[in-house]
C-alpha atoms as a PDB file:
ATOM      1  CA  MET A   1      53.432 109.159 100.064  1.00  0.00           C
ATOM      2  CA  PRO A   2      50.507 107.513  98.237  1.00  0.00           C
ATOM      3  CA  TRP A   3      49.846 104.658 100.642  1.00  0.00           C
ATOM      4  CA  PRO A   4      48.560 104.028 103.139  1.00  0.00           C
ATOM      5  CA  TRP A   5      45.615 106.368 103.332  1.00  0.00           C
ATOM      6  CA  ARG A   6      44.939 107.035 107.002  1.00  0.00           C
ATOM      7  CA  PRO A   7      41.808 108.240 108.813  1.00  0.00           C
ATOM      8  CA  GLY A   8      41.658 112.007 108.832  1.00  0.00           C
ATOM      9  CA  MET A   9      43.803 112.498 105.728  1.00  0.00           C
ATOM     10  CA  ARG A  10      42.405 115.024 103.278  1.00  0.00           C
ATOM     11  CA  VAL A  11      41.753 114.017  99.721  1.00  0.00           C
ATOM     12  CA  THR A  12      43.730 116.441  97.583  1.00  0.00           C
ATOM     13  CA  ALA A  13      44.592 116.539  93.896  1.00  0.00           C
ATOM     14  CA  GLY A  14      48.256 116.067  94.815  1.00  0.00           C
ATOM     15  CA  ARG A  15      47.599 112.917  96.829  1.00  0.00           C
ATOM     16  CA  LEU A  16      45.401 111.481  94.088  1.00  0.00           C
ATOM     17  CA  GLU A  17      48.118 112.203  91.503  1.00  0.00           C
ATOM     18  CA  GLU A  18      50.664 110.268  93.583  1.00  0.00           C
ATOM     19  CA  ASP A  19      48.654 107.104  92.978  1.00  0.00           C
ATOM     20  CA  LYS A  20      49.016 107.335  89.200  1.00  0.00           C
ATOM     21  CA  PRO A  21      51.959 105.758  87.438  1.00  0.00           C
ATOM     22  CA  ALA A  22      54.395 108.200  85.858  1.00  0.00           C
ATOM     23  CA  VAL A  23      55.743 107.449  82.388  1.00  0.00           C
ATOM     24  CA  VAL A  24      59.209 108.362  81.110  1.00  0.00           C
ATOM     25  CA  GLU A  25      59.803 107.877  77.373  1.00  0.00           C
ATOM     26  CA  GLN A  26      62.870 107.837  75.161  1.00  0.00           C
ATOM     27  CA  PRO A  27      62.176 110.879  72.922  1.00  0.00           C
ATOM     28  CA  SER A  28      64.308 109.770  69.956  1.00  0.00           C
ATOM     29  CA  ASP A  29      66.424 106.863  68.763  1.00  0.00           C
ATOM     30  CA  ILE A  30      69.826 106.574  70.421  1.00  0.00           C
ATOM     31  CA  GLU A  31      72.525 104.289  69.052  1.00  0.00           C
ATOM     32  CA  VAL A  32      75.987 102.981  69.785  1.00  0.00           C
ATOM     33  CA  VAL A  33      78.494 101.551  67.324  1.00  0.00           C
ATOM     34  CA  ASN A  34      81.710  99.609  68.010  1.00  0.00           C
ATOM     35  CA  SER A  35      81.349  99.943  71.783  1.00  0.00           C
ATOM     36  CA  THR A  36      80.539  97.801  74.784  1.00  0.00           C
ATOM     37  CA  SER A  37      80.763 100.780  77.164  1.00  0.00           C
ATOM     38  CA  LEU A  38      77.423 101.627  78.747  1.00  0.00           C
ATOM     39  CA  VAL A  39      75.817 104.956  77.762  1.00  0.00           C
ATOM     40  CA  SER A  40      72.823 106.637  79.378  1.00  0.00           C
ATOM     41  CA  THR A  41      69.415 106.785  77.744  1.00  0.00           C
ATOM     42  CA  ASN A  42      66.847 109.498  78.432  1.00  0.00           C
ATOM     43  CA  ILE A  43      64.947 107.009  80.567  1.00  0.00           C
ATOM     44  CA  ALA A  44      65.749 108.408  84.006  1.00  0.00           C
ATOM     45  CA  VAL A  45      63.524 108.352  87.082  1.00  0.00           C
ATOM     46  CA  GLU A  46      64.062 110.606  90.096  1.00  0.00           C
ATOM     47  CA  VAL A  47      63.679 108.550  93.288  1.00  0.00           C
ATOM     48  CA  GLN A  48      63.449 109.716  96.892  1.00  0.00           C
ATOM     49  CA  ALA A  49      65.449 108.341  99.825  1.00  0.00           C
ATOM     50  CA  GLY A  50      63.508 105.635 101.658  1.00  0.00           C
ATOM     51  CA  GLY A  51      61.071 105.176  98.760  1.00  0.00           C
ATOM     52  CA  TYR A  52      59.850 101.907  97.297  1.00  0.00           C
ATOM     53  CA  TYR A  53      58.922 101.874  93.613  1.00  0.00           C
ATOM     54  CA  LEU A  54      57.714  99.545  90.910  1.00  0.00           C
ATOM     55  CA  PHE A  55      59.290 100.031  87.454  1.00  0.00           C
ATOM     56  CA  ARG A  56      57.828  98.474  84.324  1.00  0.00           C
ATOM     57  CA  LEU A  57      60.348  98.879  81.505  1.00  0.00           C
ATOM     58  CA  ARG A  58      59.444  98.283  77.846  1.00  0.00           C
ATOM     59  CA  ILE A  59      62.287  98.753  75.370  1.00  0.00           C
ATOM     60  CA  ALA A  60      62.140  98.530  71.586  1.00  0.00           C
ATOM     61  CA  TYR A  61      65.622  97.989  70.238  1.00  0.00           C
ATOM     62  CA  GLY A  62      67.459  96.901  67.148  1.00  0.00           C
ATOM     63  CA  SER A  63      70.871  95.317  66.842  1.00  0.00           C
ATOM     64  CA  GLY A  64      72.706  94.535  63.649  1.00  0.00           C
ATOM     65  CA  GLY A  65      74.928  91.897  65.169  1.00  0.00           C
ATOM     66  CA  GLY A  66      76.413  92.590  68.563  1.00  0.00           C
ATOM     67  CA  GLY A  67      73.264  92.234  70.637  1.00  0.00           C
ATOM     68  CA  ALA A  68      72.441  94.682  73.405  1.00  0.00           C
ATOM     69  CA  ARG A  69      73.173  94.949  77.112  1.00  0.00           C
ATOM     70  CA  PHE A  70      71.086  96.865  79.642  1.00  0.00           C
ATOM     71  CA  ALA A  71      71.788  97.961  83.228  1.00  0.00           C
ATOM     72  CA  TRP A  72      70.546 100.593  85.672  1.00  0.00           C
ATOM     73  CA  GLN A  73      72.675 103.262  87.301  1.00  0.00           C
ATOM     74  CA  ALA A  74      71.056 103.995  90.677  1.00  0.00           C
ATOM     75  CA  PRO A  75      71.786 106.081  93.791  1.00  0.00           C
ATOM     76  CA  SER A  76      74.128 104.515  96.329  1.00  0.00           C
ATOM     77  CA  GLY A  77      72.334 102.066  98.617  1.00  0.00           C
ATOM     78  CA  THR A  78      69.504 101.380  96.165  1.00  0.00           C
ATOM     79  CA  SER A  79      68.578  97.741  95.642  1.00  0.00           C
ATOM     80  CA  MET A  80      66.517  96.351  92.792  1.00  0.00           C
ATOM     81  CA  VAL A  81      64.881  93.063  92.099  1.00  0.00           C
ATOM     82  CA  ARG A  82      64.888  92.996  88.299  1.00  0.00           C
ATOM     83  CA  ARG A  83      62.956  90.386  86.382  1.00  0.00           C
ATOM     84  CA  VAL A  84      64.059  90.610  82.773  1.00  0.00           C
ATOM     85  CA  GLU A  85      62.816  89.077  79.548  1.00  0.00           C
ATOM     86  CA  GLY A  86      64.297  89.327  76.058  1.00  0.00           C
ATOM     87  CA  VAL A  87      65.543  87.370  73.066  1.00  0.00           C
ATOM     88  CA  ALA A  88      68.472  85.172  74.089  1.00  0.00           C
ATOM     89  CA  ASN A  89      71.841  86.285  72.739  1.00  0.00           C
ATOM     90  CA  GLU A  90      72.376  82.928  71.006  1.00  0.00           C
ATOM     91  CA  SER A  91      69.164  83.345  69.039  1.00  0.00           C
ATOM     92  CA  SER A  92      68.850  84.600  65.489  1.00  0.00           C
ATOM     93  CA  GLY A  93      65.734  86.493  66.528  1.00  0.00           C
ATOM     94  CA  ALA A  94      63.515  84.337  64.348  1.00  0.00           C
ATOM     95  CA  GLY A  95      61.280  82.991  67.092  1.00  0.00           C
ATOM     96  CA  GLY A  96      64.316  81.932  69.075  1.00  0.00           C
ATOM     97  CA  LEU A  97      65.042  81.409  72.720  1.00  0.00           C
ATOM     98  CA  ILE A  98      63.880  83.783  75.420  1.00  0.00           C
ATOM     99  CA  VAL A  99      66.082  84.677  78.381  1.00  0.00           C
ATOM    100  CA  MET A 100      64.438  85.291  81.760  1.00  0.00           C
ATOM    101  CA  ARG A 101      66.621  86.340  84.690  1.00  0.00           C
ATOM    102  CA  ALA A 102      66.698  88.205  87.994  1.00  0.00           C
ATOM    103  CA  ARG A 103      69.407  90.886  88.202  1.00  0.00           C
ATOM    104  CA  GLU A 104      70.779  93.568  90.540  1.00  0.00           C
ATOM    105  CA  PRO A 105      70.820  97.236  89.369  1.00  0.00           C
ATOM    106  CA  GLY A 106      74.327  97.393  87.884  1.00  0.00           C
ATOM    107  CA  THR A 107      74.392  93.857  86.502  1.00  0.00           C
ATOM    108  CA  GLU A 108      74.276  93.953  82.717  1.00  0.00           C
ATOM    109  CA  GLN A 109      71.742  91.785  80.919  1.00  0.00           C
ATOM    110  CA  VAL A 110      72.782  90.830  77.384  1.00  0.00           C
ATOM    111  CA  VAL A 111      70.084  90.091  74.808  1.00  0.00           C
ATOM    112  CA  GLY A 112      70.119  88.974  71.180  1.00  0.00           C
ATOM    113  CA  GLY A 113      71.478  90.650  68.071  1.00  0.00           C
ATOM    114  CA  GLY A 114      70.868  90.406  64.344  1.00  0.00           C
ATOM    115  CA  ILE A 115      67.378  91.792  64.921  1.00  0.00           C
ATOM    116  CA  THR A 116      65.869  94.911  63.359  1.00  0.00           C
ATOM    117  CA  PHE A 117      63.077  95.256  65.927  1.00  0.00           C
ATOM    118  CA  ALA A 118      63.039  93.394  69.224  1.00  0.00           C
ATOM    119  CA  GLY A 119      61.591  93.893  72.662  1.00  0.00           C
ATOM    120  CA  TYR A 120      63.236  93.876  76.065  1.00  0.00           C
ATOM    121  CA  HIS A 121      61.100  93.962  79.206  1.00  0.00           C
ATOM    122  CA  GLU A 122      61.864  94.406  82.899  1.00  0.00           C
ATOM    123  CA  ASP A 123      59.698  94.489  85.964  1.00  0.00           C
ATOM    124  CA  CYS A 124      61.649  95.974  88.872  1.00  0.00           C
ATOM    125  CA  GLN A 125      61.053  96.426  92.562  1.00  0.00           C
ATOM    126  CA  VAL A 126      63.217  99.380  93.590  1.00  0.00           C
ATOM    127  CA  ASN A 127      64.079  99.977  97.244  1.00  0.00           C
ATOM    128  CA  VAL A 128      65.916 103.297  97.640  1.00  0.00           C
ATOM    129  CA  GLY A 129      68.387 103.602 100.500  1.00  0.00           C
ATOM    130  CA  SER A 130      69.285 106.843 102.265  1.00  0.00           C
ATOM    131  CA  VAL A 131      70.350 108.702  99.101  1.00  0.00           C
ATOM    132  CA  SER A 132      67.904 110.320  96.646  1.00  0.00           C
ATOM    133  CA  GLY A 133      68.821 110.627  92.978  1.00  0.00           C
ATOM    134  CA  ALA A 134      68.112 109.288  89.510  1.00  0.00           C
ATOM    135  CA  CYS A 135      67.781 105.713  88.335  1.00  0.00           C
ATOM    136  CA  THR A 136      69.005 105.860  84.735  1.00  0.00           C
ATOM    137  CA  LEU A 137      68.748 103.080  82.172  1.00  0.00           C
ATOM    138  CA  ARG A 138      72.058 102.509  80.394  1.00  0.00           C
ATOM    139  CA  PHE A 139      72.815 100.348  77.381  1.00  0.00           C
ATOM    140  CA  ALA A 140      75.644  99.191  75.112  1.00  0.00           C
ATOM    141  CA  GLN A 141      76.320  96.629  72.453  1.00  0.00           C
ATOM    142  CA  GLY A 142      76.484  93.054  73.689  1.00  0.00           C
ATOM    143  CA  SER A 143      79.695  92.645  71.716  1.00  0.00           C
ATOM    144  CA  SER A 144      81.388  95.310  69.653  1.00  0.00           C
ATOM    145  CA  SER A 145      79.949  95.573  66.142  1.00  0.00           C
ATOM    146  CA  SER A 146      80.087  98.041  63.259  1.00  0.00           C
ATOM    147  CA  SER A 147      76.322  97.630  62.924  1.00  0.00           C
ATOM    148  CA  PRO A 148      74.533  99.974  65.347  1.00  0.00           C
ATOM    149  CA  THR A 149      72.603  98.902  68.406  1.00  0.00           C
ATOM    150  CA  ILE A 150      69.610 101.232  68.749  1.00  0.00           C
ATOM    151  CA  VAL A 151      67.224 101.970  71.605  1.00  0.00           C
ATOM    152  CA  ARG A 152      64.179 103.177  69.748  1.00  0.00           C
ATOM    153  CA  THR A 153      61.972 106.170  70.326  1.00  0.00           C
ATOM    154  CA  GLN A 154      58.971 105.655  72.606  1.00  0.00           C
ATOM    155  CA  SER A 155      60.737 102.997  74.662  1.00  0.00           C
ATOM    156  CA  LEU A 156      59.467 103.694  78.154  1.00  0.00           C
ATOM    157  CA  VAL A 157      59.306 102.971  81.835  1.00  0.00           C
ATOM    158  CA  GLU A 158      56.130 103.211  83.912  1.00  0.00           C
ATOM    159  CA  VAL A 159      56.849 104.117  87.532  1.00  0.00           C
ATOM    160  CA  LEU A 160      54.624 103.752  90.566  1.00  0.00           C
ATOM    161  CA  ARG A 161      55.738 104.806  94.030  1.00  0.00           C
ATOM    162  CA  ILE A 162      54.378 102.405  96.624  1.00  0.00           C
ATOM    163  CA  ARG A 163      55.739 104.088  99.750  1.00  0.00           C
END
């Protein structure tokens, strides 16, 4: 546990490493076509029971027409306060509206389509219940389209365990 440091604790390389954010990246593009069913990305974070984490998600995506939807699959009993930001689904992507919302882990957030390169951002406070496991980012098309929706390589999440 990185914090709090208590009197008498030894400074070790392991304890100092715990205070650094971890980064998990999407290693290659992943796409879906003609589907609104959520699929897992490679952005998965192992969380420990009773832990409290901060996630900072930065996604580069493209969508030919159907938009994109994002949600987290998390261990049972995990709660998240998700603050999301992305191009609104009604927007053409040409400097259009921005959607900002607060969501629970499994609640899907739909963002705009018709965009070759767009960004989707989340800042999450993750409170893990009594079950350890992986928090995995999942995505799908906002509405079914023959044009692919793509989560691009080097999309990432920065993770910091607070307690």
